[in-house]
Amino acid sequence: MWNIIQKGGPLMYLIILCSIVALAVVIERLYHLYRARINIDKFMEGISSTIKSNRIKEAIDLCQKTPGPVAHIVKAGILKHDRSRQEIKEAIEDAGVYEVPRLEKNLGALATIAHISPLLGLLGTVTGMVRAFQIIQEKATAMHSVSPANLAGGIWEALITTAAGLMVAIPTFVAYNYLVSRVKNFIVEMDRSASELINVLSQRGEQY
């Protein structure tokens, strides 16, 4: 393996670095999203029950004990339970502005790696072919015949870096799309929970 990496040229080290960074980001994001995952229906059922029973402090405590962005935005809305519907909505939206970037953290870096890895591989292909043609020119100038062995190094570099770039880019792009879909699901759940909370608090306000 080390021999193959060396034959791929200096750009192989950049491609390997990209693969390490991509793997670290994917693992970190999967762990973060896993921890943030909760049973939304059960959570909102408990929130609605406590609010309708006028146990506001208990509802806030439930939010504090529950991980994830949904609990955070619900808590922001409950803290404004005695305000108007518009103020509650604005508090939830403000909390959402903070929570969404946390869900999307490092996804931009993952997308960048997915795009530049094949470009690094292509650059390695170009530099490898340049090496091959340099050898041809040197041999021709010295009036020596060119053998396949003389060109092997440049061709190795051209082929290995291209393959390595694609091997990093393809799974990284798949992982990026999967993580983006997970984030979108969280955002949908946040919107649904926010709407349900606003309706519950509005109905409670009409009763008092």
Protein backbone atom coordinates (compact mmCIF):
# COMPACT_ATOMS: atom_id res chain seq x y z
CA MET A 1 0.00 0.00 0.00
CA TRP A 2 2.79 2.42 0.91
CA ASN A 3 4.50 1.61 -2.39
CA ILE A 4 1.32 2.44 -4.30
CA ILE A 5 0.92 5.72 -2.43
CA GLN A 6 4.50 6.69 -3.24
CA LYS A 7 4.03 5.87 -6.91
CA GLY A 8 0.93 8.08 -6.94
CA GLY A 9 3.03 11.14 -6.29
CA PRO A 10 2.67 14.02 -3.82
CA LEU A 11 -1.01 14.62 -4.62
CA MET A 12 -1.81 11.21 -3.11
CA TYR A 13 -1.02 12.65 0.32
CA LEU A 14 -3.58 15.42 -0.19
CA ILE A 15 -6.19 12.90 -1.30
CA ILE A 16 -5.48 10.72 1.74
CA LEU A 17 -5.78 13.79 3.99
CA CYS A 18 -9.17 14.55 2.39
CA SER A 19 -10.34 11.00 3.09
CA ILE A 20 -9.30 11.24 6.76
CA VAL A 21 -11.07 14.59 7.23
CA ALA A 22 -14.19 13.30 5.45
CA LEU A 23 -14.33 10.18 7.63
CA ALA A 24 -13.92 12.25 10.79
CA VAL A 25 -16.72 14.62 9.76
CA VAL A 26 -19.09 11.76 8.86
CA ILE A 27 -18.50 9.98 12.18
CA GLU A 28 -18.93 13.21 14.17
CA ARG A 29 -22.13 14.18 12.33
CA LEU A 30 -23.66 10.71 12.64
CA TYR A 31 -22.95 10.71 16.37
CA HIS A 32 -24.37 14.22 16.82
CA LEU A 33 -27.56 13.45 14.85
CA TYR A 34 -27.98 10.14 16.66
CA ARG A 35 -27.85 11.88 20.04
CA ALA A 36 -30.31 14.53 18.85
CA ARG A 37 -32.85 11.95 17.72
CA ILE A 38 -35.93 11.59 19.95
CA ASN A 39 -39.46 10.24 19.75
CA ILE A 40 -41.19 13.44 18.61
CA ASP A 41 -44.76 12.20 19.07
CA LYS A 42 -44.13 11.01 22.63
CA PHE A 43 -42.25 14.19 23.52
CA MET A 44 -44.92 16.53 22.16
CA GLU A 45 -47.64 14.47 23.81
CA GLY A 46 -45.93 15.03 27.17
CA ILE A 47 -45.46 18.74 26.47
CA SER A 48 -49.08 19.22 25.42
CA SER A 49 -50.35 17.36 28.48
CA THR A 50 -48.33 19.44 30.94
CA ILE A 51 -49.20 22.75 29.27
CA LYS A 52 -52.91 21.96 29.18
CA SER A 53 -52.67 21.12 32.89
CA ASN A 54 -50.96 24.49 33.45
CA ARG A 55 -47.75 22.80 34.62
CA ILE A 56 -45.42 25.14 32.76
CA LYS A 57 -42.36 24.50 34.93
CA GLU A 58 -42.73 20.76 34.41
CA ALA A 59 -42.89 21.31 30.65
CA ILE A 60 -39.69 23.39 30.77
CA ASP A 61 -37.97 20.71 32.87
CA LEU A 62 -38.98 18.09 30.31
CA CYS A 63 -37.38 20.18 27.55
CA GLN A 64 -34.18 20.58 29.56
CA LYS A 65 -33.93 16.83 30.11
CA THR A 66 -34.56 16.05 26.43
CA PRO A 67 -31.63 16.38 23.98
CA GLY A 68 -31.86 17.71 20.45
CA PRO A 69 -33.01 20.80 18.56
CA VAL A 70 -36.72 20.07 18.84
CA ALA A 71 -36.62 20.29 22.63
CA HIS A 72 -34.60 23.49 22.46
CA ILE A 73 -37.02 25.36 20.21
CA VAL A 74 -40.03 24.06 22.16
CA LYS A 75 -38.46 25.36 25.36
CA ALA A 76 -37.96 28.78 23.74
CA GLY A 77 -41.66 28.86 22.90
CA ILE A 78 -42.81 27.71 26.34
CA LEU A 79 -40.75 30.45 28.01
CA LYS A 80 -42.99 32.92 26.16
CA HIS A 81 -46.19 31.10 27.15
CA ASP A 82 -47.78 34.26 28.55
CA ARG A 83 -47.07 36.33 25.43
CA SER A 84 -48.98 36.74 22.17
CA ARG A 85 -49.02 34.11 19.45
CA GLN A 86 -46.70 36.25 17.30
CA GLU A 87 -44.15 36.67 20.10
CA ILE A 88 -44.16 32.91 20.74
CA LYS A 89 -43.62 32.27 17.05
CA GLU A 90 -40.75 34.75 16.89
CA ALA A 91 -39.07 33.16 19.93
CA ILE A 92 -39.26 29.75 18.28
CA GLU A 93 -37.91 31.10 14.99
CA ASP A 94 -35.00 32.78 16.80
CA ALA A 95 -34.15 29.49 18.50
CA GLY A 96 -34.38 27.72 15.15
CA VAL A 97 -31.90 30.15 13.61
CA TYR A 98 -29.41 28.98 16.22
CA GLU A 99 -30.24 25.25 16.02
CA VAL A 100 -30.17 24.74 12.23
CA PRO A 101 -26.50 25.75 11.81
CA ARG A 102 -25.62 23.30 14.58
CA LEU A 103 -27.28 20.53 12.58
CA GLU A 104 -25.48 21.61 9.39
CA LYS A 105 -22.08 22.00 11.03
CA ASN A 106 -19.16 20.74 8.87
CA LEU A 107 -21.46 19.63 6.03
CA GLY A 108 -19.95 22.36 3.87
CA ALA A 109 -16.50 20.85 4.43
CA LEU A 110 -17.83 17.43 3.43
CA ALA A 111 -19.30 18.84 0.21
CA THR A 112 -16.00 20.57 -0.56
CA ILE A 113 -14.05 17.33 -0.14
CA ALA A 114 -16.52 15.50 -2.38
CA HIS A 115 -15.92 18.10 -5.10
CA ILE A 116 -12.15 18.63 -4.86
CA SER A 117 -11.09 14.97 -4.47
CA PRO A 118 -11.72 14.05 -8.13
CA LEU A 119 -10.13 17.36 -9.15
CA LEU A 120 -7.01 16.45 -7.18
CA GLY A 121 -7.07 13.09 -8.91
CA LEU A 122 -7.36 14.83 -12.28
CA LEU A 123 -4.46 17.09 -11.37
CA GLY A 124 -2.44 14.00 -10.52
CA THR A 125 -3.33 12.58 -13.92
CA VAL A 126 -2.06 15.73 -15.62
CA THR A 127 1.20 15.80 -13.65
CA GLY A 128 1.71 12.09 -14.30
CA MET A 129 1.28 12.56 -18.04
CA VAL A 130 3.61 15.55 -17.94
CA ARG A 131 6.25 13.31 -16.36
CA ALA A 132 5.72 10.69 -19.05
CA PHE A 133 6.14 13.21 -21.87
CA GLN A 134 9.20 14.71 -20.20
CA ILE A 135 10.81 11.27 -20.22
CA ILE A 136 9.94 10.86 -23.91
CA GLN A 137 11.50 14.23 -24.69
CA GLU A 138 14.64 13.50 -22.70
CA LYS A 139 15.12 10.13 -24.37
CA ALA A 140 14.49 11.58 -27.81
CA THR A 141 16.97 14.41 -27.21
CA ALA A 142 19.59 11.91 -26.08
CA MET A 143 18.82 9.75 -29.15
CA HIS A 144 17.76 6.86 -26.92
CA SER A 145 14.79 4.62 -27.51
CA VAL A 146 11.83 4.94 -25.13
CA SER A 147 10.77 1.73 -23.39
CA PRO A 148 7.50 1.13 -21.53
CA ALA A 149 9.48 0.88 -18.29
CA ASN A 150 10.63 4.46 -18.73
CA LEU A 151 7.01 5.66 -18.87
CA ALA A 152 5.69 3.43 -16.09
CA GLY A 153 6.27 5.97 -13.30
CA GLY A 154 4.30 8.73 -14.99
CA ILE A 155 1.48 6.41 -15.99
CA TRP A 156 1.30 5.00 -12.45
CA GLU A 157 0.92 8.51 -11.06
CA ALA A 158 -1.73 9.36 -13.63
CA LEU A 159 -3.88 6.29 -12.98
CA ILE A 160 -3.49 5.95 -9.20
CA THR A 161 -4.37 9.54 -8.33
CA THR A 162 -7.46 9.44 -10.55
CA ALA A 163 -8.67 6.23 -8.96
CA ALA A 164 -7.88 7.48 -5.44
CA GLY A 165 -9.70 10.77 -6.01
CA LEU A 166 -12.82 8.97 -7.17
CA MET A 167 -12.63 6.46 -4.32
CA VAL A 168 -12.71 9.34 -1.85
CA ALA A 169 -15.25 11.50 -3.69
CA ILE A 170 -17.96 8.89 -4.32
CA PRO A 171 -18.55 7.68 -0.71
CA THR A 172 -18.09 11.24 0.59
CA PHE A 173 -20.79 12.53 -1.74
CA VAL A 174 -23.13 9.69 -0.75
CA ALA A 175 -22.50 10.41 2.95
CA TYR A 176 -23.08 14.13 2.38
CA ASN A 177 -26.45 13.55 0.72
CA TYR A 178 -27.49 11.16 3.49
CA LEU A 179 -26.56 13.66 6.21
CA VAL A 180 -28.34 16.49 4.39
CA SER A 181 -31.50 14.36 4.21
CA ARG A 182 -31.23 13.68 7.96
CA VAL A 183 -30.88 17.41 8.66
CA LYS A 184 -33.92 18.16 6.48
CA ASN A 185 -35.93 15.61 8.47
CA PHE A 186 -34.93 17.35 11.69
CA ILE A 187 -36.01 20.72 10.26
CA VAL A 188 -39.39 19.27 9.26
CA GLU A 189 -39.84 17.85 12.76
CA MET A 190 -38.87 21.20 14.26
CA ASP A 191 -41.49 22.99 12.13
CA ARG A 192 -44.17 20.44 12.99
CA SER A 193 -43.40 20.60 16.71
CA ALA A 194 -43.33 24.41 16.63
CA SER A 195 -46.76 24.57 14.98
CA GLU A 196 -48.21 22.11 17.46
CA LEU A 197 -46.78 24.04 20.41
CA ILE A 198 -48.09 27.39 19.13
CA ASN A 199 -51.57 25.92 18.76
CA VAL A 200 -51.49 24.44 22.28
CA LEU A 201 -50.28 27.68 23.85
CA SER A 202 -52.81 29.73 21.87
CA GLN A 203 -55.68 27.51 23.01
CA ARG A 204 -54.42 27.77 26.58
CA GLY A 205 -54.31 31.57 26.29
CA GLU A 206 -57.91 31.67 25.08
CA GLN A 207 -59.02 29.69 28.13
CA TYR A 208 -57.44 32.08 30.63
